[in-house]
N, C-alpha and C. Protein backbone atom coordinates (compact mmCIF):
# COMPACT_ATOMS: atom_id res chain seq x y z
N MET A 1 11.02 37.56 -36.25
CA MET A 1 9.40 37.27 -36.30
C MET A 1 9.25 38.27 -37.44
N HIS A 2 8.91 38.36 -38.55
CA HIS A 2 7.78 39.24 -39.24
C HIS A 2 6.30 39.82 -38.79
N LEU A 3 6.58 41.34 -39.14
CA LEU A 3 5.74 41.39 -38.91
C LEU A 3 3.51 40.35 -39.42
N ASN A 4 3.60 40.31 -40.78
CA ASN A 4 2.75 39.51 -41.28
C ASN A 4 2.74 38.01 -40.66
N ASP A 5 3.72 37.66 -40.03
CA ASP A 5 3.68 36.42 -39.52
C ASP A 5 2.44 36.99 -38.36
N TYR A 6 3.65 37.78 -37.54
CA TYR A 6 2.81 37.88 -36.16
C TYR A 6 0.87 37.86 -36.30
N LEU A 7 0.52 38.99 -36.93
CA LEU A 7 -0.93 39.15 -37.67
C LEU A 7 -1.42 38.05 -38.29
N GLN A 8 -0.64 37.34 -39.14
CA GLN A 8 -1.43 35.76 -39.39
C GLN A 8 -1.86 34.80 -38.18
N GLY A 9 -0.87 34.64 -37.11
CA GLY A 9 -1.17 34.47 -35.98
C GLY A 9 -2.00 34.79 -35.45
N ARG A 10 -2.18 36.04 -35.47
CA ARG A 10 -3.19 36.46 -34.39
C ARG A 10 -3.98 37.36 -34.37
N PHE A 11 -3.88 38.06 -35.70
CA PHE A 11 -5.18 38.98 -36.35
C PHE A 11 -5.47 38.80 -37.46
N ARG A 12 -5.63 37.29 -37.33
CA ARG A 12 -6.05 36.88 -39.08
C ARG A 12 -6.84 37.72 -40.16
N THR A 13 -7.55 37.86 -39.48
CA THR A 13 -8.62 38.88 -40.63
C THR A 13 -8.19 40.61 -40.52
N LEU A 14 -7.49 40.75 -40.07
CA LEU A 14 -6.91 42.86 -39.22
C LEU A 14 -6.22 42.78 -40.46
N ALA A 15 -6.45 44.07 -41.17
CA ALA A 15 -6.33 44.71 -42.76
C ALA A 15 -5.16 45.59 -41.43
N LEU A 16 -3.85 45.78 -41.27
CA LEU A 16 -3.41 47.01 -40.56
C LEU A 16 -3.59 48.44 -41.27
N VAL A 17 -4.65 48.66 -41.35
CA VAL A 17 -4.57 50.84 -41.65
C VAL A 17 -6.06 50.82 -40.57
N PRO A 18 -6.13 52.28 -40.81
CA PRO A 18 -7.10 52.93 -39.82
C PRO A 18 -8.52 52.04 -39.91
N SER A 19 -8.92 52.56 -39.00
CA SER A 19 -10.22 51.70 -38.45
C SER A 19 -10.27 50.49 -38.28
N ILE A 20 -9.07 49.88 -37.19
CA ILE A 20 -8.84 49.14 -36.92
C ILE A 20 -10.57 48.48 -36.23
N TYR A 21 -10.55 49.38 -35.40
CA TYR A 21 -11.76 49.77 -34.68
C TYR A 21 -12.75 48.52 -34.99
N HIS A 22 -13.07 49.60 -36.85
CA HIS A 22 -14.43 48.37 -37.14
C HIS A 22 -14.35 47.19 -37.49
N GLN A 23 -12.34 46.81 -37.58
CA GLN A 23 -12.30 45.32 -37.84
C GLN A 23 -12.98 44.36 -36.88
N TRP A 24 -12.45 44.61 -35.79
CA TRP A 24 -12.43 43.85 -34.27
C TRP A 24 -12.91 44.19 -33.26
N ASP A 25 -13.21 42.56 -33.22
CA ASP A 25 -14.72 42.89 -31.73
C ASP A 25 -14.25 43.42 -30.64
N ILE A 26 -13.05 43.30 -30.24
CA ILE A 26 -12.72 43.65 -28.97
C ILE A 26 -11.77 45.15 -29.30
N GLY A 27 -12.55 46.03 -28.74
CA GLY A 27 -11.67 47.48 -29.08
C GLY A 27 -12.86 48.32 -27.90
N ILE A 28 -11.43 49.09 -28.57
CA ILE A 28 -11.75 51.01 -27.39
C ILE A 28 -11.93 52.26 -28.96
N HIS A 29 -12.70 52.80 -29.23
CA HIS A 29 -12.33 53.98 -29.17
C HIS A 29 -12.58 55.51 -28.69
N PHE A 30 -10.91 56.00 -28.94
CA PHE A 30 -11.73 57.78 -28.09
C PHE A 30 -11.56 58.71 -28.36
N THR A 31 -12.56 59.36 -28.06
CA THR A 31 -12.41 61.35 -28.94
C THR A 31 -11.31 61.75 -27.35
N LEU A 32 -11.00 62.47 -27.98
CA LEU A 32 -9.58 63.26 -28.08
C LEU A 32 -10.07 64.91 -27.89
N GLY A 33 -9.65 65.43 -26.70
CA GLY A 33 -9.77 66.64 -27.08
C GLY A 33 -11.72 67.24 -26.77
N GLU A 34 -12.44 66.27 -26.25
CA GLU A 34 -13.87 67.44 -26.20
C GLU A 34 -13.91 68.54 -25.77
N ASN A 35 -14.58 69.09 -26.93
CA ASN A 35 -14.48 70.88 -26.45
C ASN A 35 -13.50 72.07 -26.84
N ILE A 36 -12.21 71.04 -27.45
CA ILE A 36 -11.42 71.70 -27.64
C ILE A 36 -11.21 72.23 -29.16
N TYR A 37 -11.05 73.40 -29.62
CA TYR A 37 -10.65 73.52 -31.01
C TYR A 37 -9.12 74.11 -31.32
N PRO A 38 -8.78 73.25 -32.57
CA PRO A 38 -7.58 73.55 -32.71
C PRO A 38 -6.90 74.67 -32.77
N LEU A 39 -7.93 76.09 -33.61
CA LEU A 39 -7.81 77.18 -33.68
C LEU A 39 -8.54 77.90 -32.36
N LYS A 40 -8.39 79.26 -32.45
CA LYS A 40 -8.27 80.35 -31.32
C LYS A 40 -9.48 80.68 -32.34
N GLU A 41 -10.05 82.13 -31.90
CA GLU A 41 -11.07 82.96 -32.38
C GLU A 41 -10.49 83.70 -33.38
N ASN A 42 -9.40 84.66 -33.23
CA ASN A 42 -8.08 85.06 -33.82
C ASN A 42 -7.60 84.22 -34.97
N GLY A 43 -7.45 82.89 -34.88
CA GLY A 43 -7.03 81.96 -36.10
C GLY A 43 -5.55 81.40 -35.88
N ASP A 44 -5.09 82.03 -34.40
CA ASP A 44 -3.87 81.18 -34.33
C ASP A 44 -3.83 79.78 -33.02
N MET A 45 -3.09 78.91 -33.90
CA MET A 45 -3.62 77.69 -33.26
C MET A 45 -3.23 77.92 -31.71
N ASN A 46 -4.62 76.69 -31.35
CA ASN A 46 -4.61 76.27 -29.42
C ASN A 46 -3.41 75.43 -29.60
N LEU A 47 -2.72 76.28 -28.83
CA LEU A 47 -1.62 75.53 -28.30
C LEU A 47 -2.02 74.96 -26.45
N GLU A 48 -2.28 75.27 -26.61
CA GLU A 48 -2.22 74.81 -24.99
C GLU A 48 -3.71 73.95 -24.94
N GLY A 49 -4.54 73.83 -26.09
CA GLY A 49 -5.05 72.65 -26.46
C GLY A 49 -4.81 71.40 -26.54
N PHE A 50 -3.74 71.59 -27.54
CA PHE A 50 -2.78 70.53 -28.31
C PHE A 50 -2.42 69.73 -27.43
N GLN A 51 -1.49 70.39 -26.12
CA GLN A 51 -0.63 69.58 -24.68
C GLN A 51 -1.50 69.01 -24.11
N VAL A 52 -3.38 69.07 -24.06
CA VAL A 52 -4.57 68.28 -23.67
C VAL A 52 -3.98 67.23 -24.29
N ILE A 53 -4.45 67.26 -25.35
CA ILE A 53 -4.40 65.89 -26.00
C ILE A 53 -3.02 65.52 -26.33
N TYR A 54 -1.80 66.10 -26.33
CA TYR A 54 -1.25 65.09 -26.40
C TYR A 54 -0.80 64.29 -24.96
N GLN A 55 -1.35 65.02 -23.37
CA GLN A 55 -1.44 64.44 -22.59
C GLN A 55 -2.53 63.59 -22.30
N GLN A 56 -3.28 63.64 -22.72
CA GLN A 56 -4.67 61.86 -22.91
C GLN A 56 -4.28 61.16 -23.90
N ILE A 57 -3.29 61.45 -25.22
CA ILE A 57 -2.62 60.30 -25.61
C ILE A 57 -1.14 59.50 -24.92
N PHE A 58 -0.62 59.86 -24.34
CA PHE A 58 0.14 59.95 -23.27
C PHE A 58 -0.47 58.65 -22.07
N ASP A 59 -1.40 59.25 -21.23
CA ASP A 59 -2.35 58.11 -20.57
C ASP A 59 -2.51 57.41 -21.28
N ILE A 60 -3.31 57.21 -22.26
CA ILE A 60 -3.80 56.32 -22.70
C ILE A 60 -2.16 55.19 -23.16
N PHE A 61 -1.55 55.54 -23.81
CA PHE A 61 -0.11 54.73 -24.08
C PHE A 61 0.00 54.00 -23.07
N ASN A 62 0.32 54.85 -22.43
CA ASN A 62 1.49 54.13 -20.87
C ASN A 62 0.89 53.09 -20.27
N ASP A 63 -0.73 53.21 -20.22
CA ASP A 63 -1.47 52.04 -20.10
C ASP A 63 -1.55 51.38 -20.36
N LEU A 64 -1.11 51.14 -21.70
CA LEU A 64 -0.70 49.74 -22.65
C LEU A 64 0.30 49.25 -22.95
N PHE A 65 1.27 49.97 -22.64
CA PHE A 65 2.68 49.40 -22.90
C PHE A 65 3.86 49.68 -21.60
N GLU A 66 4.03 48.62 -21.20
CA GLU A 66 5.52 48.77 -20.49
C GLU A 66 6.97 48.81 -21.40
N GLN A 67 7.57 49.06 -20.38
CA GLN A 67 9.36 49.23 -20.61
C GLN A 67 10.03 47.90 -22.07
N ASP A 68 9.15 47.64 -20.47
CA ASP A 68 9.81 45.68 -21.35
C ASP A 68 8.99 45.24 -23.02
N ASP A 69 7.57 46.04 -23.11
CA ASP A 69 6.71 44.98 -24.09
C ASP A 69 7.57 45.03 -25.23
N GLY A 70 7.49 43.57 -25.51
CA GLY A 70 7.63 43.35 -27.15
C GLY A 70 6.94 44.13 -28.36
N LEU A 71 7.38 44.85 -28.97
CA LEU A 71 6.47 45.93 -30.59
C LEU A 71 6.58 45.88 -31.49
N PHE A 72 5.96 46.06 -32.22
CA PHE A 72 6.87 46.61 -34.02
C PHE A 72 5.91 47.64 -33.80
N LEU A 73 7.07 48.00 -34.68
CA LEU A 73 6.27 50.57 -34.56
C LEU A 73 5.93 49.90 -35.89
N VAL A 74 5.30 50.01 -36.64
CA VAL A 74 4.87 49.95 -38.45
C VAL A 74 4.31 51.81 -38.52
N THR A 75 4.79 51.56 -40.12
CA THR A 75 4.21 53.35 -40.63
C THR A 75 3.62 52.72 -42.06
N ASN A 76 2.55 52.87 -42.59
CA ASN A 76 2.19 53.29 -43.46
C ASN A 76 2.50 54.21 -44.42
N ILE A 77 2.75 54.09 -45.43
CA ILE A 77 2.27 55.32 -46.22
C ILE A 77 1.46 55.14 -47.68
N TYR A 78 1.38 56.42 -48.37
CA TYR A 78 0.28 56.25 -49.00
C TYR A 78 0.25 56.84 -50.47
N LYS A 79 0.73 56.63 -51.56
CA LYS A 79 1.54 56.96 -52.55
C LYS A 79 1.02 56.70 -53.84
N ARG A 80 1.87 57.57 -54.92
CA ARG A 80 1.33 56.63 -56.05
C ARG A 80 2.26 55.75 -56.64
N THR A 81 1.70 55.11 -57.54
CA THR A 81 3.62 54.33 -58.12
C THR A 81 4.40 54.66 -58.37
N LYS A 82 5.92 54.76 -58.31
CA LYS A 82 7.08 55.14 -58.55
C LYS A 82 7.01 56.91 -58.14
N GLU A 83 6.77 56.63 -57.55
CA GLU A 83 6.25 58.73 -56.61
C GLU A 83 7.75 58.64 -55.82
N LYS A 84 8.14 59.69 -56.24
CA LYS A 84 9.42 60.19 -55.67
C LYS A 84 9.10 61.35 -53.79
N ALA A 85 9.61 60.15 -52.82
CA ALA A 85 9.22 61.69 -51.66
C ALA A 85 9.57 62.65 -51.57
N THR A 86 8.65 63.58 -51.32
CA THR A 86 9.22 64.70 -51.42
C THR A 86 9.69 65.29 -50.77
N ASN A 87 10.07 64.39 -49.04
CA ASN A 87 10.83 64.97 -47.77
C ASN A 87 11.07 63.99 -46.86
N LYS A 88 11.69 63.92 -46.36
CA LYS A 88 12.16 62.40 -45.30
C LYS A 88 11.32 62.36 -44.52
N LEU A 89 10.51 60.83 -44.66
CA LEU A 89 9.67 60.30 -44.04
C LEU A 89 9.34 60.69 -42.82
N LYS A 90 10.58 60.90 -41.21
CA LYS A 90 10.38 61.12 -40.19
C LYS A 90 9.33 60.36 -39.07
N VAL A 91 9.52 58.71 -39.33
CA VAL A 91 9.10 58.63 -38.20
C VAL A 91 9.96 57.21 -37.34
N PHE A 92 11.11 56.98 -37.99
CA PHE A 92 12.41 55.78 -37.43
C PHE A 92 12.87 56.37 -37.37
N GLN A 93 14.13 57.23 -38.04
CA GLN A 93 14.76 57.99 -37.83
C GLN A 93 14.72 58.81 -36.98
N PRO A 94 14.15 59.65 -37.17
CA PRO A 94 13.96 60.26 -35.42
C PRO A 94 14.00 60.07 -34.40
N TYR A 95 13.50 58.84 -34.12
CA TYR A 95 13.30 58.45 -32.88
C TYR A 95 13.57 57.19 -32.46
N VAL A 96 14.02 56.03 -33.14
CA VAL A 96 15.09 55.59 -32.63
C VAL A 96 16.06 55.52 -32.25
N LYS A 97 15.98 55.21 -30.99
CA LYS A 97 17.74 55.52 -30.22
C LYS A 97 18.85 54.26 -30.83
N ASP A 98 18.29 53.91 -31.43
CA ASP A 98 19.74 52.61 -32.00
C ASP A 98 20.22 52.63 -32.89
N LYS A 99 20.18 53.79 -33.88
CA LYS A 99 20.12 54.26 -35.50
C LYS A 99 20.95 53.12 -36.19
N ASP A 100 21.33 51.85 -35.50
CA ASP A 100 21.60 50.05 -36.61
C ASP A 100 20.37 49.32 -36.86
N ALA A 101 19.24 49.93 -35.83
CA ALA A 101 18.22 49.42 -35.96
C ALA A 101 17.76 49.81 -36.65
N LEU A 102 17.90 50.98 -37.65
CA LEU A 102 17.47 51.19 -38.85
C LEU A 102 17.63 50.46 -40.23
N TYR A 103 18.36 49.35 -39.91
CA TYR A 103 18.65 48.81 -41.07
C TYR A 103 17.96 46.97 -40.82
N ARG A 104 17.39 46.79 -40.07
CA ARG A 104 15.96 46.33 -39.94
C ARG A 104 14.71 46.20 -39.92
N ILE A 105 15.04 47.70 -40.15
CA ILE A 105 13.42 47.54 -40.90
C ILE A 105 12.79 46.91 -42.21
N HIS A 106 11.75 46.28 -42.27
CA HIS A 106 11.37 45.36 -42.96
C HIS A 106 9.81 46.02 -43.48
N VAL A 107 10.37 46.10 -45.05
CA VAL A 107 9.64 46.68 -46.42
C VAL A 107 9.12 45.64 -47.13
N LYS A 108 7.27 46.54 -47.28
CA LYS A 108 6.49 45.85 -47.74
C LYS A 108 5.34 46.74 -48.74
N THR A 109 5.45 46.11 -50.00
CA THR A 109 4.85 46.88 -50.72
C THR A 109 2.97 46.23 -51.00
N PHE A 110 1.95 47.21 -50.36
CA PHE A 110 0.14 46.43 -50.57
C PHE A 110 -0.63 46.89 -52.31
N PRO A 111 -1.61 46.35 -52.60
CA PRO A 111 -2.25 47.23 -52.94
C PRO A 111 -2.93 48.56 -52.83
N TYR A 112 -3.10 49.73 -53.25
CA TYR A 112 -3.94 50.60 -52.11
C TYR A 112 -5.05 50.62 -51.43
N PRO A 113 -5.65 50.53 -50.39
CA PRO A 113 -5.90 49.41 -48.73
C PRO A 113 -7.41 51.02 -49.35
N PHE A 114 -7.68 51.88 -50.07
CA PHE A 114 -9.08 52.65 -49.41
C PHE A 114 -10.28 52.41 -51.25
N GLU A 115 -10.96 53.08 -50.75
CA GLU A 115 -11.85 52.98 -52.44
C GLU A 115 -11.32 54.39 -52.97
N LEU A 116 -10.75 54.42 -54.70
CA LEU A 116 -10.59 55.59 -54.65
C LEU A 116 -10.63 55.22 -56.35
N GLU A 117 -11.36 56.09 -57.10
CA GLU A 117 -11.50 56.01 -58.64
C GLU A 117 -10.32 55.59 -59.42
N GLU A 118 -9.17 56.06 -59.08
CA GLU A 118 -7.88 55.65 -59.52
C GLU A 118 -6.89 54.79 -58.74
N ALA A 119 -7.72 54.09 -57.65
CA ALA A 119 -7.00 53.13 -57.05
C ALA A 119 -5.64 52.67 -56.93
N GLU A 120 -5.60 52.14 -58.66
CA GLU A 120 -4.40 51.41 -59.51
C GLU A 120 -3.04 51.79 -59.66
N GLN A 121 -3.58 53.26 -59.49
CA GLN A 121 -2.61 53.99 -59.82
C GLN A 121 -1.56 54.18 -58.30
N PHE A 122 -1.89 53.92 -57.04
CA PHE A 122 -1.95 53.99 -55.38
C PHE A 122 -1.57 53.24 -55.12
N GLU A 123 -0.54 53.13 -53.94
CA GLU A 123 0.41 51.96 -53.61
C GLU A 123 -0.27 52.15 -52.30
N MET A 124 0.60 51.03 -51.25
CA MET A 124 0.23 51.39 -49.61
C MET A 124 2.03 50.64 -49.64
N GLN A 125 2.73 51.55 -49.27
CA GLN A 125 4.04 50.96 -49.03
C GLN A 125 4.04 51.06 -46.67
N GLN A 126 4.46 49.62 -46.35
CA GLN A 126 4.26 49.41 -45.33
C GLN A 126 6.13 49.35 -44.40
N PHE A 127 6.19 49.52 -43.62
CA PHE A 127 7.62 49.77 -42.78
C PHE A 127 7.09 48.97 -41.60
N SER A 128 8.38 48.25 -40.99
CA SER A 128 7.75 47.76 -39.69
C SER A 128 9.54 47.31 -38.95
N LEU A 129 9.19 47.91 -37.66
CA LEU A 129 10.73 47.27 -37.62
C LEU A 129 9.91 47.04 -35.48
N TYR A 130 10.86 45.39 -35.31
CA TYR A 130 10.57 45.36 -33.90
C TYR A 130 11.24 45.86 -33.08
N CYS A 131 11.32 46.07 -31.91
CA CYS A 131 11.57 47.23 -30.59
C CYS A 131 10.99 46.56 -29.80
N LYS A 132 11.42 47.80 -28.37
CA LYS A 132 10.72 47.49 -27.40
C LYS A 132 10.25 49.55 -26.95
N GLN A 133 9.41 49.23 -26.01
CA GLN A 133 8.64 51.45 -25.62
C GLN A 133 10.23 51.62 -25.89
N SER A 134 11.49 51.02 -24.73
CA SER A 134 12.03 51.34 -24.23
C SER A 134 13.05 52.02 -25.26
N ASP A 135 12.87 51.29 -26.69
CA ASP A 135 14.02 51.71 -27.60
C ASP A 135 13.76 53.48 -28.43
N LEU A 136 12.29 53.81 -28.11
CA LEU A 136 11.96 54.90 -29.36
C LEU A 136 11.77 56.22 -27.98
N HIS A 137 11.95 57.34 -28.81
CA HIS A 137 11.69 58.60 -28.40
C HIS A 137 10.53 58.73 -28.29
N LEU A 138 9.45 58.62 -27.11
CA LEU A 138 7.97 58.12 -27.66
C LEU A 138 7.25 59.57 -27.29
N ALA A 139 8.05 60.20 -27.20
CA ALA A 139 7.15 61.78 -27.07
C ALA A 139 7.09 62.13 -28.97
N GLY A 140 8.18 62.13 -29.57
CA GLY A 140 7.68 62.83 -30.52
C GLY A 140 7.00 62.14 -31.66
N LEU A 141 7.00 60.81 -31.24
CA LEU A 141 5.93 59.50 -32.28
C LEU A 141 4.67 60.45 -31.73
N LEU A 142 4.19 60.10 -30.62
CA LEU A 142 2.87 60.67 -30.67
C LEU A 142 2.25 61.90 -30.20
N LYS A 143 2.97 62.57 -30.56
CA LYS A 143 2.82 63.55 -30.58
C LYS A 143 3.11 64.49 -32.64
N GLY A 144 3.46 63.67 -33.22
CA GLY A 144 3.48 63.67 -34.64
C GLY A 144 2.75 62.91 -35.66
N ALA A 145 1.76 61.91 -34.70
CA ALA A 145 0.14 61.10 -34.87
C ALA A 145 -0.87 62.10 -34.75
N CYS A 146 -0.19 63.17 -33.65
CA CYS A 146 -1.88 63.88 -33.71
C CYS A 146 -1.40 65.19 -34.67
N ASN A 147 -0.53 65.77 -35.13
CA ASN A 147 -0.01 66.54 -35.64
C ASN A 147 -0.99 66.47 -37.43
N GLU A 148 -1.16 65.38 -37.94
CA GLU A 148 -1.07 65.08 -39.34
C GLU A 148 -2.19 66.35 -39.68
N ASP A 149 -3.29 66.91 -39.08
CA ASP A 149 -4.09 68.24 -40.64
C ASP A 149 -3.49 69.76 -39.89
N PHE A 150 -2.74 69.99 -39.28
CA PHE A 150 -1.81 71.23 -38.90
C PHE A 150 -0.32 71.19 -38.54
N PRO A 151 -0.05 72.62 -38.61
CA PRO A 151 1.76 72.76 -39.21
C PRO A 151 2.16 72.90 -38.00
N LEU A 152 2.15 71.94 -37.21
CA LEU A 152 2.93 71.60 -36.14
C LEU A 152 3.68 70.54 -36.11
N GLN A 153 4.60 71.18 -34.92
CA GLN A 153 5.99 70.34 -34.98
C GLN A 153 6.45 68.96 -34.06
N PRO A 154 6.49 68.23 -33.82
CA PRO A 154 6.96 67.27 -34.92
C PRO A 154 6.21 66.79 -35.84
N ARG A 155 7.08 66.40 -37.59
CA ARG A 155 5.69 66.16 -38.10
C ARG A 155 6.49 64.94 -39.05
N PHE A 156 5.65 64.12 -39.28
CA PHE A 156 6.58 62.54 -40.38
C PHE A 156 6.95 63.19 -41.42
N GLY A 157 6.44 63.87 -42.48
CA GLY A 157 7.35 64.23 -43.73
C GLY A 157 6.50 62.99 -44.44
N GLY A 158 8.16 62.47 -45.53
CA GLY A 158 6.83 61.45 -46.49
C GLY A 158 6.65 61.88 -48.10
N TYR A 159 5.56 61.84 -48.26
CA TYR A 159 4.84 62.23 -49.78
C TYR A 159 3.55 62.79 -49.68
N ASP A 160 3.27 63.05 -50.30
CA ASP A 160 2.55 64.80 -50.50
C ASP A 160 0.90 63.87 -50.83
N THR A 161 0.98 62.60 -51.22
CA THR A 161 -0.18 62.29 -51.40
C THR A 161 -1.33 61.46 -50.25
N GLY A 162 -0.35 60.94 -48.82
CA GLY A 162 -1.24 60.66 -47.20
C GLY A 162 -0.28 60.85 -46.61
N TYR A 163 -0.81 61.68 -45.63
CA TYR A 163 0.07 61.71 -44.28
C TYR A 163 0.17 60.11 -43.51
N PRO A 164 1.77 60.38 -43.62
CA PRO A 164 1.93 58.42 -42.37
C PRO A 164 0.81 58.29 -41.96
N ASP A 165 0.67 57.08 -40.91
CA ASP A 165 -0.01 56.42 -40.29
C ASP A 165 0.61 55.95 -39.54
N VAL A 166 0.86 55.85 -38.24
CA VAL A 166 1.38 54.67 -37.21
C VAL A 166 0.89 54.41 -36.42
N PHE A 167 1.18 52.51 -36.76
CA PHE A 167 0.45 52.20 -35.77
C PHE A 167 1.62 51.59 -34.33
N PHE A 168 1.53 50.95 -33.33
CA PHE A 168 2.21 50.41 -32.26
C PHE A 168 1.46 48.86 -32.15
N VAL A 169 2.43 47.95 -32.39
CA VAL A 169 2.00 46.56 -32.12
C VAL A 169 2.57 45.92 -31.18
N ASN A 170 1.99 45.86 -30.42
CA ASN A 170 1.97 45.24 -28.72
C ASN A 170 2.10 43.37 -28.76
N ILE A 171 3.11 42.71 -29.21
CA ILE A 171 3.46 41.59 -29.28
C ILE A 171 2.94 40.39 -27.53
N THR A 172 3.51 41.36 -27.05
CA THR A 172 3.42 41.37 -25.15
C THR A 172 1.87 40.95 -25.18
N LYS A 173 1.63 41.30 -25.20
CA LYS A 173 0.14 41.79 -24.55
C LYS A 173 -0.98 42.15 -25.81
N ASP A 174 -0.86 41.79 -27.26
CA ASP A 174 -1.45 41.63 -28.15
C ASP A 174 -2.93 42.56 -28.45
N ILE A 175 -1.62 44.04 -28.04
CA ILE A 175 -2.68 44.87 -28.51
C ILE A 175 -1.72 45.47 -29.67
N ILE A 176 -2.76 45.96 -30.20
CA ILE A 176 -2.83 47.62 -32.03
C ILE A 176 -3.45 48.97 -31.34
N PHE A 177 -2.22 49.54 -31.62
CA PHE A 177 -2.78 50.67 -30.94
C PHE A 177 -2.65 52.12 -32.14
N PHE A 178 -2.93 52.76 -32.29
CA PHE A 178 -3.52 53.23 -33.41
C PHE A 178 -4.20 54.96 -32.99
N ILE A 179 -2.76 55.62 -33.41
CA ILE A 179 -3.41 57.76 -33.38
C ILE A 179 -3.95 57.99 -34.92
N TYR A 180 -5.38 57.75 -34.58
CA TYR A 180 -5.84 59.01 -36.06
C TYR A 180 -5.58 59.98 -36.99
N ASP A 181 -5.67 60.91 -35.74
CA ASP A 181 -5.16 62.24 -35.68
C ASP A 181 -5.17 63.46 -34.29
N ASP A 182 -5.41 64.35 -34.09
CA ASP A 182 -5.95 64.29 -32.95
C ASP A 182 -7.16 64.80 -32.60
N ARG A 183 -7.93 63.99 -33.72
CA ARG A 183 -9.87 63.45 -32.94
C ARG A 183 -9.52 62.47 -31.97
N GLY A 184 -9.07 61.48 -32.29
CA GLY A 184 -8.84 60.42 -31.59
C GLY A 184 -8.08 59.12 -31.72
N CYS A 185 -8.56 57.85 -30.83
CA CYS A 185 -7.39 57.01 -31.50
C CYS A 185 -8.14 55.88 -31.29
N GLU A 186 -7.28 54.83 -31.69
CA GLU A 186 -8.93 53.40 -31.67
C GLU A 186 -7.58 52.45 -30.96
N VAL A 187 -7.89 51.22 -29.93
CA VAL A 187 -7.28 50.63 -29.50
C VAL A 187 -8.26 48.78 -29.68
N ILE A 188 -7.27 48.04 -30.11
CA ILE A 188 -7.54 46.54 -30.33
C ILE A 188 -7.10 45.26 -29.80
N ALA A 189 -7.80 44.39 -29.04
CA ALA A 189 -7.15 43.72 -28.43
C ALA A 189 -7.04 41.75 -28.64
N LEU A 190 -6.75 41.36 -27.95
CA LEU A 190 -7.47 39.45 -28.25
C LEU A 190 -8.41 39.49 -26.93
N ASP A 191 -7.60 40.05 -25.71
CA ASP A 191 -8.08 39.56 -24.30
C ASP A 191 -8.92 40.75 -24.43
N ALA A 192 -10.83 40.73 -24.12
CA ALA A 192 -11.22 41.91 -23.25
C ALA A 192 -10.72 42.04 -21.55
N GLU A 193 -9.66 41.43 -21.36
CA GLU A 193 -9.35 42.06 -20.10
C GLU A 193 -8.06 43.13 -19.87
N ARG A 194 -7.38 43.29 -21.37
CA ARG A 194 -6.43 43.85 -21.09
C ARG A 194 -7.20 45.23 -21.26
N LEU A 195 -7.77 45.09 -21.75
CA LEU A 195 -8.55 46.19 -22.19
C LEU A 195 -9.76 46.83 -21.34
N ARG A 196 -9.79 46.24 -20.50
CA ARG A 196 -11.16 46.62 -19.54
C ARG A 196 -10.66 48.02 -18.48
N PRO A 197 -9.64 47.35 -17.82
CA PRO A 197 -8.68 48.81 -16.71
C PRO A 197 -8.64 50.15 -17.72
N LEU A 198 -8.77 50.20 -19.23
CA LEU A 198 -8.77 51.42 -19.87
C LEU A 198 -9.85 51.60 -20.22
N TYR A 199 -10.50 50.86 -20.21
CA TYR A 199 -12.77 51.15 -20.76
C TYR A 199 -13.15 51.88 -19.82
N GLU A 200 -12.69 51.42 -17.88
CA GLU A 200 -13.42 52.21 -17.20
C GLU A 200 -12.35 53.35 -16.51
N LYS A 201 -11.75 53.46 -16.90
CA LYS A 201 -10.95 54.48 -16.30
C LYS A 201 -11.04 55.61 -17.49
N TYR A 202 -10.87 55.30 -18.57
CA TYR A 202 -11.44 56.27 -19.61
C TYR A 202 -12.81 56.19 -20.14
N ASP A 203 -13.91 56.41 -18.92
CA ASP A 203 -14.58 56.25 -20.12
C ASP A 203 -15.60 57.53 -20.39
N ASP A 204 -15.23 58.94 -19.94
CA ASP A 204 -15.57 59.85 -20.01
C ASP A 204 -15.44 60.24 -21.75
N TRP A 205 -14.14 60.11 -21.93
CA TRP A 205 -13.91 60.04 -23.88
C TRP A 205 -14.20 59.18 -25.04
N ILE A 206 -15.23 58.34 -24.33
CA ILE A 206 -15.91 57.23 -25.46
C ILE A 206 -17.34 58.06 -25.98
N GLU A 207 -17.55 58.30 -26.98
CA GLU A 207 -18.62 58.67 -27.78
C GLU A 207 -19.75 57.63 -27.68
N ASP A 208 -20.85 58.54 -27.47
CA ASP A 208 -21.87 57.63 -27.20
C ASP A 208 -22.25 56.73 -28.17
N THR A 209 -21.96 56.83 -29.78
CA THR A 209 -22.41 56.44 -30.37
C THR A 209 -22.04 54.78 -30.28
N ASP A 210 -20.62 54.83 -30.13
CA ASP A 210 -19.45 53.48 -29.75
C ASP A 210 -20.09 53.31 -28.80
N ARG A 211 -20.40 53.66 -27.71
CA ARG A 211 -20.70 53.20 -26.13
C ARG A 211 -21.02 51.39 -26.19
N SER A 212 -22.87 51.11 -27.46
CA SER A 212 -23.03 50.18 -26.92
C SER A 212 -22.15 48.86 -27.77
N LYS A 213 -21.66 49.41 -28.51
CA LYS A 213 -21.07 48.07 -28.80
C LYS A 213 -20.11 46.97 -27.74
N MET A 214 -19.92 48.55 -27.31
CA MET A 214 -18.69 48.48 -25.63
C MET A 214 -19.25 48.44 -24.85
N GLU A 215 -20.02 48.25 -24.50
CA GLU A 215 -21.36 47.89 -23.02
C GLU A 215 -21.16 46.22 -23.64
N GLN A 216 -21.28 46.00 -24.28
CA GLN A 216 -21.17 44.20 -24.97
C GLN A 216 -20.02 44.00 -24.14
N THR A 217 -18.79 44.35 -24.98
CA THR A 217 -17.26 43.93 -25.14
C THR A 217 -17.39 43.66 -23.40
N PHE A 218 -17.54 44.43 -22.51
CA PHE A 218 -16.81 45.27 -21.57
C PHE A 218 -18.52 44.81 -19.69
N THR A 219 -19.35 44.66 -20.41
CA THR A 219 -19.79 44.52 -19.16
C THR A 219 -20.82 42.96 -19.47
């Protein structure tokens, strides 16, 4: 199965780019690290604060995914047409346990999905790999997604144009999970009951501005 076949069958109107929560009726937007600042007063990185954020992400992910769930690990990279990578992408190779699986990665090129005056000079490449949670070194993947804006390791690498976006598409439960950076994450689903336990468990991580939409879905 290819990613596009799955999306067309289950999430037909969805564009797999950031802000999936705003594209879909059933979803949750979580704010991470409330009242945690990435830098200390002396300018040093607040590493203790990032550990709190990492733990929040691990908790959400573990509540959404089980070891044997089938999933697509998806990476979007945004680049100038014909631009060469400045360093290795570092999404699949370091975190996929079976290196032979890397030969099964599917790549598709799309028009640049964001508003930009010279958008025609850019493109989006989407890499997808079907696997299971147990096939991945998850800690590095989840941390790398959180570290987008800061000089922390691990980092995903790739192009100077933009940091890669990573999505976890759970085809067993029809759930899509996206960490946009250390500030928050989004999750959408076909069935609201898949997300209800998450909504109730992590209610404190929901912004008031998003609450009315979610109350319509879950109450």
